[in-house]
Amino acid sequence: MAHSNAVGRVRDKVALVTGAGSGIGRAAALRLAEEGAKVALVDLKADRVSEVKGRIEKAGGEALALEADISKAADIESAVRDAASRWGRLDIVFANAGINGVLTPIETMTPEEWSTTLDINLKGTFLTVKYAIPSLKEKGGSIIITSSINGNRVFSNFGMSAYSTSKAGQVAFMQMAALELAQFRIRVNAICPGAITTHIDQNTHREPELEAITIPVEFPKGDQPLERGPGKPDQVADLVLFLASDESNHITGTPIYIDGAESLLHG
């Protein structure tokens, strides 16, 4: 990855990235570190981020591996506190961790399945932002939330009622937070990726009952029109870097779609 024309856009800033062990979170953590940020790598298991931490340090950067279940207040409060105390500041928060959850009809979805998805995706975002605010207020900063085209532009992925609700909720929460925190020079934005080559499907459970409610929809060839295929985590990482940097210093309260026009075709 060569980005020589943009070196140092977040130099000496401190970033906290949830879900940093794989996919978009991993790519964003590496990209922020490449640009000079010190990065707190938060994941459900600390060993998931050991490779990322090693790669950052090998390149001369600084990283901290932190274990946290983002749906648990004490976990994420502790992780944010550890990151801020390690480097004496916090400037960038990438609330990225999330799951697809169980894909099943509303009728057969259990209350526990609903709660698990909402607790991780939506409550987890709330907790990450909540506990980061005191540190971010000191100098201002940037919060970036990973939402999705699902729940905001696309509603044809059957069985994803809990996921889509959590993703729509993240955008509403982002807009409320953006206005509330503007006086402290804290910007809050959401990215809405389409299909990206990640491992999120590993925590997806597709129930057989979906067959009964799925309405057949046929899309033309190339349902990601711009590149004829899914996006890459590195492309999303570049957007995260932009929103984390001062180059986006007048952008807040905005959902930004990064999907190669996929949602315009599917919506």
Protein backbone atom coordinates (compact mmCIF):
# COMPACT_ATOMS: atom_id res chain seq x y z
CA MET A 1 0.00 0.00 0.00
CA ALA A 2 1.66 3.20 -1.14
CA HIS A 3 0.03 6.48 -0.23
CA SER A 4 3.04 8.79 -0.25
CA ASN A 5 0.99 11.88 -1.08
CA ALA A 6 -0.95 11.56 2.15
CA VAL A 7 1.70 10.69 4.72
CA GLY A 8 1.02 11.87 8.26
CA ARG A 9 -2.63 12.85 8.02
CA VAL A 10 -3.26 11.49 11.52
CA ARG A 11 0.31 11.62 12.83
CA ASP A 12 0.59 11.40 16.61
CA LYS A 13 -3.15 11.07 17.04
CA VAL A 14 -4.56 8.19 19.06
CA ALA A 15 -7.18 5.94 17.51
CA LEU A 16 -9.34 3.22 19.04
CA VAL A 17 -10.68 0.60 16.63
CA THR A 18 -13.21 -2.06 17.62
CA GLY A 19 -13.32 -5.31 15.71
CA ALA A 20 -9.70 -4.67 14.79
CA GLY A 21 -8.75 -8.30 14.29
CA SER A 22 -10.16 -8.81 10.81
CA GLY A 23 -11.88 -7.29 7.80
CA ILE A 24 -12.62 -3.57 7.78
CA GLY A 25 -11.38 -3.04 11.33
CA ARG A 26 -8.02 -4.65 10.61
CA ALA A 27 -7.57 -2.70 7.37
CA ALA A 28 -8.48 0.58 9.04
CA ALA A 29 -6.16 -0.01 11.98
CA LEU A 30 -3.24 -0.71 9.64
CA ARG A 31 -4.08 2.33 7.50
CA LEU A 32 -4.31 4.68 10.48
CA ALA A 33 -1.03 3.35 11.85
CA GLU A 34 0.61 3.77 8.45
CA GLU A 35 -0.36 7.44 8.60
CA GLY A 36 1.22 7.92 12.02
CA ALA A 37 -1.60 7.21 14.46
CA LYS A 38 -1.12 5.21 17.64
CA VAL A 39 -3.80 2.53 17.56
CA ALA A 40 -5.67 0.71 20.32
CA LEU A 41 -6.83 -2.57 18.82
CA VAL A 42 -10.03 -3.79 20.47
CA ASP A 43 -11.46 -7.23 19.83
CA LEU A 44 -13.47 -9.90 21.64
CA LYS A 45 -10.25 -11.88 22.13
CA ALA A 46 -6.91 -10.10 22.38
CA ASP A 47 -5.14 -12.86 20.46
CA ARG A 48 -7.21 -11.94 17.39
CA VAL A 49 -5.29 -8.68 17.09
CA SER A 50 -1.80 -9.99 17.85
CA GLU A 51 -0.91 -10.22 14.15
CA VAL A 52 -2.15 -6.67 13.53
CA LYS A 53 -0.24 -5.35 16.56
CA GLY A 54 2.92 -7.11 15.41
CA ARG A 55 2.65 -5.72 11.91
CA ILE A 56 2.17 -2.16 13.18
CA GLU A 57 5.12 -2.42 15.55
CA LYS A 58 7.36 -4.01 12.93
CA ALA A 59 6.73 -0.95 10.75
CA GLY A 60 7.78 1.33 13.61
CA GLY A 61 4.30 2.23 14.87
CA GLU A 62 2.67 1.90 18.27
CA ALA A 63 -0.28 -0.37 19.07
CA LEU A 64 -2.10 -1.71 22.10
CA ALA A 65 -4.12 -4.95 22.11
CA LEU A 66 -7.26 -4.77 24.24
CA GLU A 67 -9.85 -7.44 24.92
CA ALA A 68 -13.48 -6.35 25.21
CA ASP A 69 -17.03 -7.50 24.56
CA ILE A 70 -18.46 -4.24 23.24
CA SER A 71 -21.96 -5.17 24.43
CA LYS A 72 -20.72 -5.08 28.04
CA ALA A 73 -20.34 -1.64 29.55
CA ALA A 74 -17.51 -2.52 31.93
CA ASP A 75 -15.47 -4.11 29.13
CA ILE A 76 -15.59 -1.20 26.70
CA GLU A 77 -15.26 1.43 29.45
CA SER A 78 -12.06 -0.29 30.56
CA ALA A 79 -10.70 -0.57 27.00
CA VAL A 80 -11.30 3.12 26.28
CA ARG A 81 -9.72 4.12 29.59
CA ASP A 82 -6.67 1.94 28.93
CA ALA A 83 -6.18 3.45 25.46
CA ALA A 84 -6.51 7.04 26.68
CA SER A 85 -4.22 6.52 29.66
CA ARG A 86 -1.54 4.74 27.61
CA TRP A 87 -1.02 7.74 25.31
CA GLY A 88 -2.62 10.55 27.30
CA ARG A 89 -5.27 11.36 24.70
CA LEU A 90 -7.90 9.98 22.36
CA ASP A 91 -8.65 11.54 18.98
CA ILE A 92 -10.28 8.95 16.75
CA VAL A 93 -12.85 6.28 17.53
CA PHE A 94 -13.81 3.73 14.90
CA ALA A 95 -16.88 1.89 16.26
CA ASN A 96 -16.70 -0.94 13.79
CA ALA A 97 -17.32 -4.27 15.56
CA GLY A 98 -20.54 -6.05 14.68
CA ILE A 99 -22.23 -9.28 13.67
CA ASN A 100 -24.78 -10.38 11.09
CA GLY A 101 -26.44 -12.59 13.69
CA VAL A 102 -29.13 -15.15 12.98
CA LEU A 103 -30.92 -14.83 9.65
CA THR A 104 -34.46 -16.04 10.18
CA PRO A 105 -38.07 -14.88 9.69
CA ILE A 106 -39.47 -12.48 12.29
CA GLU A 107 -42.06 -15.09 13.25
CA THR A 108 -39.46 -17.70 14.18
CA MET A 109 -36.74 -15.38 15.52
CA THR A 110 -36.32 -15.79 19.25
CA PRO A 111 -36.20 -12.74 21.53
CA GLU A 112 -32.67 -13.84 22.49
CA GLU A 113 -31.52 -13.86 18.84
CA TRP A 114 -32.95 -10.36 18.36
CA SER A 115 -31.31 -9.09 21.54
CA THR A 116 -27.90 -10.55 20.72
CA THR A 117 -27.71 -8.71 17.39
CA LEU A 118 -29.03 -5.44 18.80
CA ASP A 119 -26.83 -5.62 21.89
CA ILE A 120 -23.62 -6.06 19.90
CA ASN A 121 -24.36 -3.81 16.92
CA LEU A 122 -26.40 -0.98 18.41
CA LYS A 123 -25.83 -1.03 22.16
CA GLY A 124 -22.16 -1.75 21.49
CA THR A 125 -21.92 1.37 19.33
CA PHE A 126 -23.64 3.45 22.01
CA LEU A 127 -21.29 2.17 24.73
CA THR A 128 -18.17 2.72 22.61
CA VAL A 129 -19.16 6.31 21.88
CA LYS A 130 -20.42 7.03 25.40
CA TYR A 131 -17.22 6.04 27.13
CA ALA A 132 -14.99 7.76 24.56
CA ILE A 133 -16.66 11.17 24.90
CA PRO A 134 -14.80 12.42 28.02
CA SER A 135 -11.39 11.85 26.37
CA LEU A 136 -12.48 13.17 22.98
CA LYS A 137 -13.83 16.37 24.56
CA GLU A 138 -10.33 17.42 25.60
CA LYS A 139 -9.13 18.22 22.07
CA GLY A 140 -12.05 17.35 19.81
CA GLY A 141 -11.94 14.40 17.48
CA SER A 142 -13.66 12.10 15.04
CA ILE A 143 -16.04 9.20 15.63
CA ILE A 144 -16.74 6.85 12.72
CA ILE A 145 -19.44 4.18 12.95
CA THR A 146 -19.69 1.18 10.65
CA SER A 147 -23.31 0.94 9.58
CA SER A 148 -24.44 -0.69 6.31
CA ILE A 149 -26.50 -0.23 3.17
CA ASN A 150 -28.83 -2.80 4.79
CA GLY A 151 -31.43 -0.96 6.82
CA ASN A 152 -30.65 2.36 5.15
CA ARG A 153 -31.03 1.78 1.40
CA VAL A 154 -31.52 -1.96 0.98
CA PHE A 155 -34.33 -4.00 2.52
CA SER A 156 -34.31 -7.11 0.33
CA ASN A 157 -31.98 -9.30 2.38
CA PHE A 158 -34.55 -11.59 3.91
CA GLY A 159 -34.11 -12.72 7.49
CA MET A 160 -32.00 -9.69 8.41
CA SER A 161 -34.67 -7.78 10.34
CA ALA A 162 -32.55 -7.55 13.49
CA TYR A 163 -29.37 -6.66 11.61
CA SER A 164 -31.06 -4.05 9.42
CA THR A 165 -32.77 -2.50 12.43
CA SER A 166 -29.43 -2.22 14.21
CA LYS A 167 -27.82 -0.62 11.17
CA ALA A 168 -30.63 1.91 10.71
CA GLY A 169 -30.44 2.65 14.42
CA GLN A 170 -26.72 3.36 14.16
CA VAL A 171 -27.35 6.07 11.57
CA ALA A 172 -30.04 7.71 13.72
CA PHE A 173 -27.76 7.53 16.75
CA MET A 174 -24.88 8.97 14.72
CA GLN A 175 -26.97 11.97 13.69
CA MET A 176 -28.14 12.62 17.25
CA ALA A 177 -24.56 12.36 18.50
CA ALA A 178 -23.20 14.62 15.76
CA LEU A 179 -25.43 17.49 16.84
CA GLU A 180 -24.93 16.91 20.54
CA LEU A 181 -21.14 16.71 20.30
CA ALA A 182 -20.50 19.44 17.72
CA GLN A 183 -19.97 22.03 20.47
CA PHE A 184 -17.01 19.96 21.66
CA ARG A 185 -15.50 19.79 18.14
CA ILE A 186 -16.27 16.08 17.97
CA ARG A 187 -17.43 14.96 14.54
CA VAL A 188 -19.57 11.86 14.14
CA ASN A 189 -20.16 10.10 10.82
CA ALA A 190 -21.24 6.66 9.62
CA ILE A 191 -19.93 4.60 6.77
CA CYS A 192 -22.40 2.34 4.97
CA PRO A 193 -20.53 -0.38 3.11
CA GLY A 194 -22.12 -2.72 0.61
CA ALA A 195 -20.62 -6.10 -0.17
CA ILE A 196 -17.01 -6.11 1.10
CA THR A 197 -14.74 -9.16 1.16
CA THR A 198 -14.58 -9.81 4.93
CA HIS A 199 -15.16 -12.72 7.31
CA ILE A 200 -18.42 -11.41 8.82
CA ASP A 201 -20.25 -14.42 7.36
CA GLN A 202 -18.43 -16.55 9.92
CA ASN A 203 -20.82 -15.24 12.57
CA THR A 204 -23.90 -15.54 10.36
CA HIS A 205 -26.44 -18.27 11.05
CA ARG A 206 -28.93 -18.83 8.22
CA GLU A 207 -32.02 -20.70 9.36
CA PRO A 208 -33.89 -23.09 7.01
CA GLU A 209 -37.17 -21.27 7.71
CA LEU A 210 -35.93 -18.47 5.44
CA GLU A 211 -37.02 -20.50 2.41
CA ALA A 212 -40.69 -19.87 3.26
CA ILE A 213 -40.47 -16.06 3.28
CA THR A 214 -37.87 -15.33 0.62
CA ILE A 215 -39.27 -13.52 -2.40
CA PRO A 216 -37.23 -14.40 -5.50
CA VAL A 217 -35.39 -11.34 -6.80
CA GLU A 218 -33.19 -11.50 -9.88
CA PHE A 219 -30.52 -8.90 -10.39
CA PRO A 220 -28.72 -8.24 -13.66
CA LYS A 221 -25.16 -9.45 -14.01
CA GLY A 222 -22.75 -7.34 -12.04
CA ASP A 223 -24.82 -6.37 -9.02
CA GLN A 224 -21.90 -4.22 -7.85
CA PRO A 225 -21.84 -2.04 -10.98
CA LEU A 226 -18.68 0.00 -10.38
CA GLU A 227 -16.17 -2.83 -10.12
CA ARG A 228 -18.20 -5.92 -11.04
CA GLY A 229 -17.55 -7.39 -7.63
CA PRO A 230 -17.42 -6.70 -3.90
CA GLY A 231 -15.29 -3.92 -2.47
CA LYS A 232 -12.11 -4.48 -0.50
CA PRO A 233 -11.40 -3.66 3.14
CA ASP A 234 -8.53 -1.38 2.06
CA GLN A 235 -10.98 0.79 0.11
CA VAL A 236 -13.11 1.23 3.22
CA ALA A 237 -9.97 1.93 5.26
CA ASP A 238 -9.16 4.86 2.98
CA LEU A 239 -12.60 6.34 3.72
CA VAL A 240 -12.07 5.83 7.46
CA LEU A 241 -8.73 7.64 7.21
CA PHE A 242 -10.36 10.56 5.41
CA LEU A 243 -13.09 10.87 8.05
CA ALA A 244 -10.50 10.56 10.82
CA SER A 245 -8.29 13.28 9.37
CA ASP A 246 -8.62 17.06 9.30
CA GLU A 247 -9.38 16.84 5.58
CA SER A 248 -12.99 16.12 6.59
CA ASN A 249 -13.13 18.76 9.31
CA HIS A 250 -16.50 20.18 8.18
CA ILE A 251 -18.22 16.81 7.69
CA THR A 252 -20.40 15.53 10.52
CA GLY A 253 -23.77 13.84 10.90
CA THR A 254 -23.40 12.16 7.54
CA PRO A 255 -23.92 8.58 6.35
CA ILE A 256 -21.46 7.86 3.53
CA TYR A 257 -22.18 4.96 1.19
CA ILE A 258 -19.24 2.91 -0.06
CA ASP A 259 -20.74 0.21 -2.22
CA GLY A 260 -19.86 0.75 -5.89
CA ALA A 261 -23.50 1.79 -6.58
CA GLU A 262 -24.78 -1.58 -5.35
CA SER A 263 -27.52 -0.07 -3.17
CA LEU A 264 -28.83 2.08 -6.06
CA LEU A 265 -29.45 -1.12 -7.98
CA HIS A 266 -30.82 -3.14 -5.08
CA GLY A 267 -32.79 -0.49 -3.25
